[in-house]
Amino acid sequence: MRLLFTQLTLDTLSTFVTLRDQGLRNEPWETLARAELTPEEQRVVAHVSADLRRYQPSLVNEATVFARSIFPLLVLAEVEGVQAMADVAMSAQIGEVELAGTADGAIGRPIAGEIHAPFLVVVEAKRGVESVSPVAQLYGELLAAARLNAKETGASAQRLYGCYTVADNWTFIEMTVDDLNAARPTVTVITSPELNEKVEAATIAKVLKSIVAPHRRLSA
């Protein structure tokens, strides 16, 4: 069976994975937010925050919010060997289900100009009659990313991060997937408190920076 990320619901996900939702917690987010920003990074964060006060993110279209407010913070988190990209296509098999679609944004190691196995994915909540739950969509994208990372590393357990955005509000997810080779993998998720980019852009940038830091390519 093939399912698009945008077709997923929590009920659908529960038919092929065992989902353990740990709910909203302060950790690991408080620890991740302890990263230090450089003076240049602080200037970028201040610029993004100031820009949000010049327009109304809840009224303009999603593409405008993503380009002006979301993607700049993803780019700010880049390190050697790691890049942020928009519209990242993914397809992966989880048990008897093929998950497929495109992540609005992702961070990972590029190969030939593409990210094949991101370790952080971003879903921008859509508005209007075609809107779907960003939570289920994000879970599906993280599952696919876990499978793709498992192919690269050979490890059947994966821990990845993601976030969904609603206008300028960010919510982070930590997902741990155990035994990806099982017919029904176990998925554990921890959700962050909602962060508003107008006043908490620095915290968002620090969380992103901490998530990306372990993936830095070390110089020879």
C-alpha atoms as a PDB file:
ATOM      1  CA  MET A   1       0.000   0.000   0.000  1.00  0.00           C
ATOM      2  CA  ARG A   2       1.296   3.434  -0.930  1.00  0.00           C
ATOM      3  CA  LEU A   3       0.393   6.463   1.175  1.00  0.00           C
ATOM      4  CA  LEU A   4       1.293  10.087   0.585  1.00  0.00           C
ATOM      5  CA  PHE A   5       2.439  12.092   3.604  1.00  0.00           C
ATOM      6  CA  THR A   6      -0.508  14.429   3.073  1.00  0.00           C
ATOM      7  CA  GLN A   7      -2.945  11.518   3.317  1.00  0.00           C
ATOM      8  CA  LEU A   8      -1.798  10.374   6.726  1.00  0.00           C
ATOM      9  CA  THR A   9      -3.824  10.528   9.928  1.00  0.00           C
ATOM     10  CA  LEU A  10      -2.864   9.305  13.378  1.00  0.00           C
ATOM     11  CA  ASP A  11      -5.391   6.475  12.963  1.00  0.00           C
ATOM     12  CA  THR A  12      -3.736   5.418   9.712  1.00  0.00           C
ATOM     13  CA  LEU A  13      -0.272   5.503  11.268  1.00  0.00           C
ATOM     14  CA  SER A  14      -1.437   3.317  14.139  1.00  0.00           C
ATOM     15  CA  THR A  15      -2.256   0.519  11.680  1.00  0.00           C
ATOM     16  CA  PHE A  16       1.417  -0.100  10.798  1.00  0.00           C
ATOM     17  CA  VAL A  17       3.466   1.287  13.727  1.00  0.00           C
ATOM     18  CA  THR A  18       3.144   1.178  17.505  1.00  0.00           C
ATOM     19  CA  LEU A  19       2.953   4.835  18.480  1.00  0.00           C
ATOM     20  CA  ARG A  20       4.034   5.925  21.960  1.00  0.00           C
ATOM     21  CA  ASP A  21       3.245   9.590  22.437  1.00  0.00           C
ATOM     22  CA  GLN A  22       5.095  11.027  25.447  1.00  0.00           C
ATOM     23  CA  GLY A  23       3.220  14.307  25.104  1.00  0.00           C
ATOM     24  CA  LEU A  24       4.488  17.841  25.630  1.00  0.00           C
ATOM     25  CA  ARG A  25       7.660  18.019  27.720  1.00  0.00           C
ATOM     26  CA  ASN A  26      10.285  20.599  28.571  1.00  0.00           C
ATOM     27  CA  GLU A  27      13.119  18.177  27.791  1.00  0.00           C
ATOM     28  CA  PRO A  28      15.085  17.671  25.637  1.00  0.00           C
ATOM     29  CA  TRP A  29      14.199  21.148  24.427  1.00  0.00           C
ATOM     30  CA  GLU A  30      15.543  23.126  27.378  1.00  0.00           C
ATOM     31  CA  THR A  31      18.874  21.345  27.021  1.00  0.00           C
ATOM     32  CA  LEU A  32      18.971  21.886  23.255  1.00  0.00           C
ATOM     33  CA  ALA A  33      18.225  25.589  23.767  1.00  0.00           C
ATOM     34  CA  ARG A  34      21.459  26.057  25.733  1.00  0.00           C
ATOM     35  CA  ALA A  35      23.524  26.444  22.573  1.00  0.00           C
ATOM     36  CA  GLU A  36      25.376  29.718  22.129  1.00  0.00           C
ATOM     37  CA  LEU A  37      24.756  31.968  19.137  1.00  0.00           C
ATOM     38  CA  THR A  38      27.631  33.866  17.561  1.00  0.00           C
ATOM     39  CA  PRO A  39      27.308  37.656  17.140  1.00  0.00           C
ATOM     40  CA  GLU A  40      26.586  37.151  13.423  1.00  0.00           C
ATOM     41  CA  GLU A  41      23.907  34.565  14.195  1.00  0.00           C
ATOM     42  CA  GLN A  42      22.366  36.948  16.728  1.00  0.00           C
ATOM     43  CA  ARG A  43      22.182  39.637  14.050  1.00  0.00           C
ATOM     44  CA  VAL A  44      20.391  37.269  11.647  1.00  0.00           C
ATOM     45  CA  VAL A  45      17.924  36.247  14.366  1.00  0.00           C
ATOM     46  CA  ALA A  46      17.236  39.882  15.225  1.00  0.00           C
ATOM     47  CA  HIS A  47      16.635  40.676  11.538  1.00  0.00           C
ATOM     48  CA  VAL A  48      14.193  37.784  11.128  1.00  0.00           C
ATOM     49  CA  SER A  49      12.312  38.790  14.285  1.00  0.00           C
ATOM     50  CA  ALA A  50      12.101  42.410  13.162  1.00  0.00           C
ATOM     51  CA  ASP A  51      10.849  41.353   9.720  1.00  0.00           C
ATOM     52  CA  LEU A  52       7.983  39.399  11.331  1.00  0.00           C
ATOM     53  CA  ARG A  53       6.742  42.637  12.849  1.00  0.00           C
ATOM     54  CA  ARG A  54       6.498  44.252   9.407  1.00  0.00           C
ATOM     55  CA  TYR A  55       3.828  41.890   8.072  1.00  0.00           C
ATOM     56  CA  GLN A  56       1.087  39.561   9.359  1.00  0.00           C
ATOM     57  CA  PRO A  57       2.187  35.914   9.041  1.00  0.00           C
ATOM     58  CA  SER A  58      -1.302  34.624   9.851  1.00  0.00           C
ATOM     59  CA  LEU A  59      -2.761  36.419   6.802  1.00  0.00           C
ATOM     60  CA  VAL A  60      -0.203  35.998   4.010  1.00  0.00           C
ATOM     61  CA  ASN A  61       0.222  32.735   2.105  1.00  0.00           C
ATOM     62  CA  GLU A  62       2.348  29.875   3.424  1.00  0.00           C
ATOM     63  CA  ALA A  63       5.062  30.280   0.793  1.00  0.00           C
ATOM     64  CA  THR A  64       5.701  33.858   1.910  1.00  0.00           C
ATOM     65  CA  VAL A  65       5.986  32.887   5.578  1.00  0.00           C
ATOM     66  CA  PHE A  66       8.286  29.994   4.741  1.00  0.00           C
ATOM     67  CA  ALA A  67      10.609  32.097   2.593  1.00  0.00           C
ATOM     68  CA  ARG A  68      10.779  35.105   4.917  1.00  0.00           C
ATOM     69  CA  SER A  69      10.636  33.523   8.360  1.00  0.00           C
ATOM     70  CA  ILE A  70      11.086  29.741   8.465  1.00  0.00           C
ATOM     71  CA  PHE A  71      13.802  28.947   5.935  1.00  0.00           C
ATOM     72  CA  PRO A  72      16.241  31.676   7.110  1.00  0.00           C
ATOM     73  CA  LEU A  73      16.499  30.007  10.530  1.00  0.00           C
ATOM     74  CA  LEU A  74      17.049  26.598   8.920  1.00  0.00           C
ATOM     75  CA  VAL A  75      19.893  28.043   6.837  1.00  0.00           C
ATOM     76  CA  LEU A  76      21.341  29.666   9.961  1.00  0.00           C
ATOM     77  CA  ALA A  77      21.782  26.180  11.483  1.00  0.00           C
ATOM     78  CA  GLU A  78      23.940  24.905   8.599  1.00  0.00           C
ATOM     79  CA  VAL A  79      27.426  23.610   9.411  1.00  0.00           C
ATOM     80  CA  GLU A  80      30.224  22.064   7.376  1.00  0.00           C
ATOM     81  CA  GLY A  81      28.798  19.221   5.302  1.00  0.00           C
ATOM     82  CA  VAL A  82      25.167  19.925   6.271  1.00  0.00           C
ATOM     83  CA  GLN A  83      22.638  21.980   4.319  1.00  0.00           C
ATOM     84  CA  ALA A  84      19.033  23.101   4.544  1.00  0.00           C
ATOM     85  CA  MET A  85      16.837  22.628   1.483  1.00  0.00           C
ATOM     86  CA  ALA A  86      13.207  23.174   0.555  1.00  0.00           C
ATOM     87  CA  ASP A  87      10.887  20.679  -1.165  1.00  0.00           C
ATOM     88  CA  VAL A  88      12.817  17.519  -0.325  1.00  0.00           C
ATOM     89  CA  ALA A  89      11.309  14.389  -1.907  1.00  0.00           C
ATOM     90  CA  MET A  90      11.295  11.161   0.114  1.00  0.00           C
ATOM     91  CA  SER A  91      10.016   7.637  -0.387  1.00  0.00           C
ATOM     92  CA  ALA A  92      10.513   4.728   2.016  1.00  0.00           C
ATOM     93  CA  GLN A  93       9.030   1.367   2.925  1.00  0.00           C
ATOM     94  CA  ILE A  94       7.759   0.833   6.481  1.00  0.00           C
ATOM     95  CA  GLY A  95       6.526  -2.724   6.840  1.00  0.00           C
ATOM     96  CA  GLU A  96       3.910  -3.238   4.153  1.00  0.00           C
ATOM     97  CA  VAL A  97       3.399   0.499   3.593  1.00  0.00           C
ATOM     98  CA  GLU A  98       5.279   2.787   1.231  1.00  0.00           C
ATOM     99  CA  LEU A  99       5.386   6.383   2.436  1.00  0.00           C
ATOM    100  CA  ALA A 100       6.043   9.057  -0.160  1.00  0.00           C
ATOM    101  CA  GLY A 101       5.857  12.770  -0.741  1.00  0.00           C
ATOM    102  CA  THR A 102       7.790  15.981  -0.266  1.00  0.00           C
ATOM    103  CA  ALA A 103       8.938  17.678   2.927  1.00  0.00           C
ATOM    104  CA  ASP A 104       8.516  21.453   2.922  1.00  0.00           C
ATOM    105  CA  GLY A 105      12.002  21.758   4.364  1.00  0.00           C
ATOM    106  CA  ALA A 106      14.779  19.490   5.586  1.00  0.00           C
ATOM    107  CA  ILE A 107      18.319  19.508   6.894  1.00  0.00           C
ATOM    108  CA  GLY A 108      20.813  16.789   6.054  1.00  0.00           C
ATOM    109  CA  ARG A 109      23.967  15.874   4.180  1.00  0.00           C
ATOM    110  CA  PRO A 110      23.672  16.694   0.466  1.00  0.00           C
ATOM    111  CA  ILE A 111      24.803  14.187  -2.135  1.00  0.00           C
ATOM    112  CA  ALA A 112      25.030  15.484  -5.714  1.00  0.00           C
ATOM    113  CA  GLY A 113      23.019  18.535  -4.666  1.00  0.00           C
ATOM    114  CA  GLU A 114      20.187  16.588  -3.015  1.00  0.00           C
ATOM    115  CA  ILE A 115      19.326  15.494   0.511  1.00  0.00           C
ATOM    116  CA  HIS A 116      18.447  11.805   0.443  1.00  0.00           C
ATOM    117  CA  ALA A 117      18.327  11.050   4.191  1.00  0.00           C
ATOM    118  CA  PRO A 118      17.480  14.151   6.251  1.00  0.00           C
ATOM    119  CA  PHE A 119      17.842  14.122  10.029  1.00  0.00           C
ATOM    120  CA  LEU A 120      15.459  17.063  10.506  1.00  0.00           C
ATOM    121  CA  VAL A 121      12.287  17.718   8.508  1.00  0.00           C
ATOM    122  CA  VAL A 122       9.849  20.619   8.531  1.00  0.00           C
ATOM    123  CA  VAL A 123       6.129  20.652   7.770  1.00  0.00           C
ATOM    124  CA  GLU A 124       4.390  23.959   7.197  1.00  0.00           C
ATOM    125  CA  ALA A 125       0.721  23.665   8.156  1.00  0.00           C
ATOM    126  CA  LYS A 126      -1.528  24.442   5.215  1.00  0.00           C
ATOM    127  CA  ARG A 127      -4.658  26.532   5.535  1.00  0.00           C
ATOM    128  CA  GLY A 128      -7.976  26.276   3.701  1.00  0.00           C
ATOM    129  CA  VAL A 129     -10.123  23.367   2.558  1.00  0.00           C
ATOM    130  CA  GLU A 130      -7.090  21.230   1.619  1.00  0.00           C
ATOM    131  CA  SER A 131      -5.501  21.512   5.060  1.00  0.00           C
ATOM    132  CA  VAL A 132      -4.495  18.329   6.877  1.00  0.00           C
ATOM    133  CA  SER A 133      -3.012  17.613  10.284  1.00  0.00           C
ATOM    134  CA  PRO A 134       0.628  18.719  10.300  1.00  0.00           C
ATOM    135  CA  VAL A 135       1.272  16.284  13.169  1.00  0.00           C
ATOM    136  CA  ALA A 136       0.433  13.093  11.275  1.00  0.00           C
ATOM    137  CA  GLN A 137       2.186  14.387   8.174  1.00  0.00           C
ATOM    138  CA  LEU A 138       5.327  15.177  10.169  1.00  0.00           C
ATOM    139  CA  TYR A 139       5.303  11.753  11.827  1.00  0.00           C
ATOM    140  CA  GLY A 140       5.098  10.123   8.397  1.00  0.00           C
ATOM    141  CA  GLU A 141       7.958  12.186   7.013  1.00  0.00           C
ATOM    142  CA  LEU A 142      10.109  11.402  10.045  1.00  0.00           C
ATOM    143  CA  LEU A 143       9.350   7.688   9.647  1.00  0.00           C
ATOM    144  CA  ALA A 144      10.446   7.822   6.018  1.00  0.00           C
ATOM    145  CA  ALA A 145      13.562   9.758   6.981  1.00  0.00           C
ATOM    146  CA  ALA A 146      14.334   7.172   9.677  1.00  0.00           C
ATOM    147  CA  ARG A 147      14.183   4.376   7.120  1.00  0.00           C
ATOM    148  CA  LEU A 148      16.425   6.292   4.710  1.00  0.00           C
ATOM    149  CA  ASN A 149      18.960   6.986   7.462  1.00  0.00           C
ATOM    150  CA  ALA A 150      18.859   3.335   8.507  1.00  0.00           C
ATOM    151  CA  LYS A 151      19.824   2.341   4.965  1.00  0.00           C
ATOM    152  CA  GLU A 152      22.848   4.625   5.168  1.00  0.00           C
ATOM    153  CA  THR A 153      23.986   3.705   8.684  1.00  0.00           C
ATOM    154  CA  GLY A 154      22.805   0.105   8.981  1.00  0.00           C
ATOM    155  CA  ALA A 155      21.227   0.868  12.383  1.00  0.00           C
ATOM    156  CA  SER A 156      17.641  -0.330  12.845  1.00  0.00           C
ATOM    157  CA  ALA A 157      17.032   2.245  15.608  1.00  0.00           C
ATOM    158  CA  GLN A 158      16.981   5.920  14.677  1.00  0.00           C
ATOM    159  CA  ARG A 159      16.462   9.216  16.518  1.00  0.00           C
ATOM    160  CA  LEU A 160      15.441  12.171  14.376  1.00  0.00           C
ATOM    161  CA  TYR A 161      13.936  15.605  14.848  1.00  0.00           C
ATOM    162  CA  GLY A 162      11.276  17.574  13.063  1.00  0.00           C
ATOM    163  CA  CYS A 163       9.003  20.528  13.498  1.00  0.00           C
ATOM    164  CA  TYR A 164       5.724  21.816  12.171  1.00  0.00           C
ATOM    165  CA  THR A 165       5.016  25.492  11.775  1.00  0.00           C
ATOM    166  CA  VAL A 166       1.703  27.326  11.899  1.00  0.00           C
ATOM    167  CA  ALA A 167       2.347  30.861  10.632  1.00  0.00           C
ATOM    168  CA  ASP A 168       5.316  31.937  12.833  1.00  0.00           C
ATOM    169  CA  ASN A 169       4.723  29.364  15.584  1.00  0.00           C
ATOM    170  CA  TRP A 170       7.092  26.390  15.781  1.00  0.00           C
ATOM    171  CA  THR A 171       6.556  23.030  17.500  1.00  0.00           C
ATOM    172  CA  PHE A 172       9.456  20.569  17.617  1.00  0.00           C
ATOM    173  CA  ILE A 173       9.232  16.776  17.690  1.00  0.00           C
ATOM    174  CA  GLU A 174      11.822  14.232  18.766  1.00  0.00           C
ATOM    175  CA  MET A 175      11.105  10.824  17.247  1.00  0.00           C
ATOM    176  CA  THR A 176      12.825   7.586  18.214  1.00  0.00           C
ATOM    177  CA  VAL A 177      12.098   4.604  15.967  1.00  0.00           C
ATOM    178  CA  ASP A 178      13.015   1.153  17.269  1.00  0.00           C
ATOM    179  CA  ASP A 179      13.412  -1.965  15.124  1.00  0.00           C
ATOM    180  CA  LEU A 180      12.693  -0.530  11.704  1.00  0.00           C
ATOM    181  CA  ASN A 181      13.027  -4.019  10.251  1.00  0.00           C
ATOM    182  CA  ALA A 182      10.066  -5.313  12.252  1.00  0.00           C
ATOM    183  CA  ALA A 183       6.640  -5.692  10.677  1.00  0.00           C
ATOM    184  CA  ARG A 184       5.417  -3.052  13.130  1.00  0.00           C
ATOM    185  CA  PRO A 185       8.156  -0.664  14.335  1.00  0.00           C
ATOM    186  CA  THR A 186       7.796   1.147  17.666  1.00  0.00           C
ATOM    187  CA  VAL A 187       7.736   4.939  17.441  1.00  0.00           C
ATOM    188  CA  THR A 188       8.220   7.190  20.486  1.00  0.00           C
ATOM    189  CA  VAL A 189       7.641  10.933  20.174  1.00  0.00           C
ATOM    190  CA  ILE A 190       8.249  13.869  22.498  1.00  0.00           C
ATOM    191  CA  THR A 191       6.729  17.264  21.679  1.00  0.00           C
ATOM    192  CA  SER A 192       8.083  20.696  22.578  1.00  0.00           C
ATOM    193  CA  PRO A 193       6.081  23.645  23.873  1.00  0.00           C
ATOM    194  CA  GLU A 194       5.004  25.988  21.066  1.00  0.00           C
ATOM    195  CA  LEU A 195       7.581  28.676  20.273  1.00  0.00           C
ATOM    196  CA  ASN A 196       6.600  31.987  18.687  1.00  0.00           C
ATOM    197  CA  GLU A 197       9.227  33.292  16.314  1.00  0.00           C
ATOM    198  CA  LYS A 198       8.493  36.968  16.943  1.00  0.00           C
ATOM    199  CA  VAL A 199       9.710  36.717  20.535  1.00  0.00           C
ATOM    200  CA  GLU A 200      11.534  33.355  20.674  1.00  0.00           C
ATOM    201  CA  ALA A 201      13.506  33.260  17.432  1.00  0.00           C
ATOM    202  CA  ALA A 202      16.768  32.978  19.375  1.00  0.00           C
ATOM    203  CA  THR A 203      15.479  29.912  21.227  1.00  0.00           C
ATOM    204  CA  ILE A 204      14.362  28.310  17.942  1.00  0.00           C
ATOM    205  CA  ALA A 205      17.774  29.009  16.393  1.00  0.00           C
ATOM    206  CA  LYS A 206      19.554  27.495  19.399  1.00  0.00           C
ATOM    207  CA  VAL A 207      17.451  24.315  19.259  1.00  0.00           C
ATOM    208  CA  LEU A 208      18.156  23.952  15.543  1.00  0.00           C
ATOM    209  CA  LYS A 209      21.859  24.584  16.098  1.00  0.00           C
ATOM    210  CA  SER A 210      22.047  21.896  18.811  1.00  0.00           C
ATOM    211  CA  ILE A 211      20.229  19.348  16.614  1.00  0.00           C
ATOM    212  CA  VAL A 212      22.591  19.962  13.707  1.00  0.00           C
ATOM    213  CA  ALA A 213      25.866  20.199  15.659  1.00  0.00           C
ATOM    214  CA  PRO A 214      26.545  16.420  16.009  1.00  0.00           C
ATOM    215  CA  HIS A 215      26.335  16.073  12.220  1.00  0.00           C
ATOM    216  CA  ARG A 216      29.110  18.561  11.466  1.00  0.00           C
ATOM    217  CA  ARG A 217      31.686  17.142   9.070  1.00  0.00           C
ATOM    218  CA  LEU A 218      35.043  17.232  10.809  1.00  0.00           C
ATOM    219  CA  SER A 219      37.988  18.557   8.813  1.00  0.00           C
ATOM    220  CA  ALA A 220      40.754  16.082   8.075  1.00  0.00           C
END
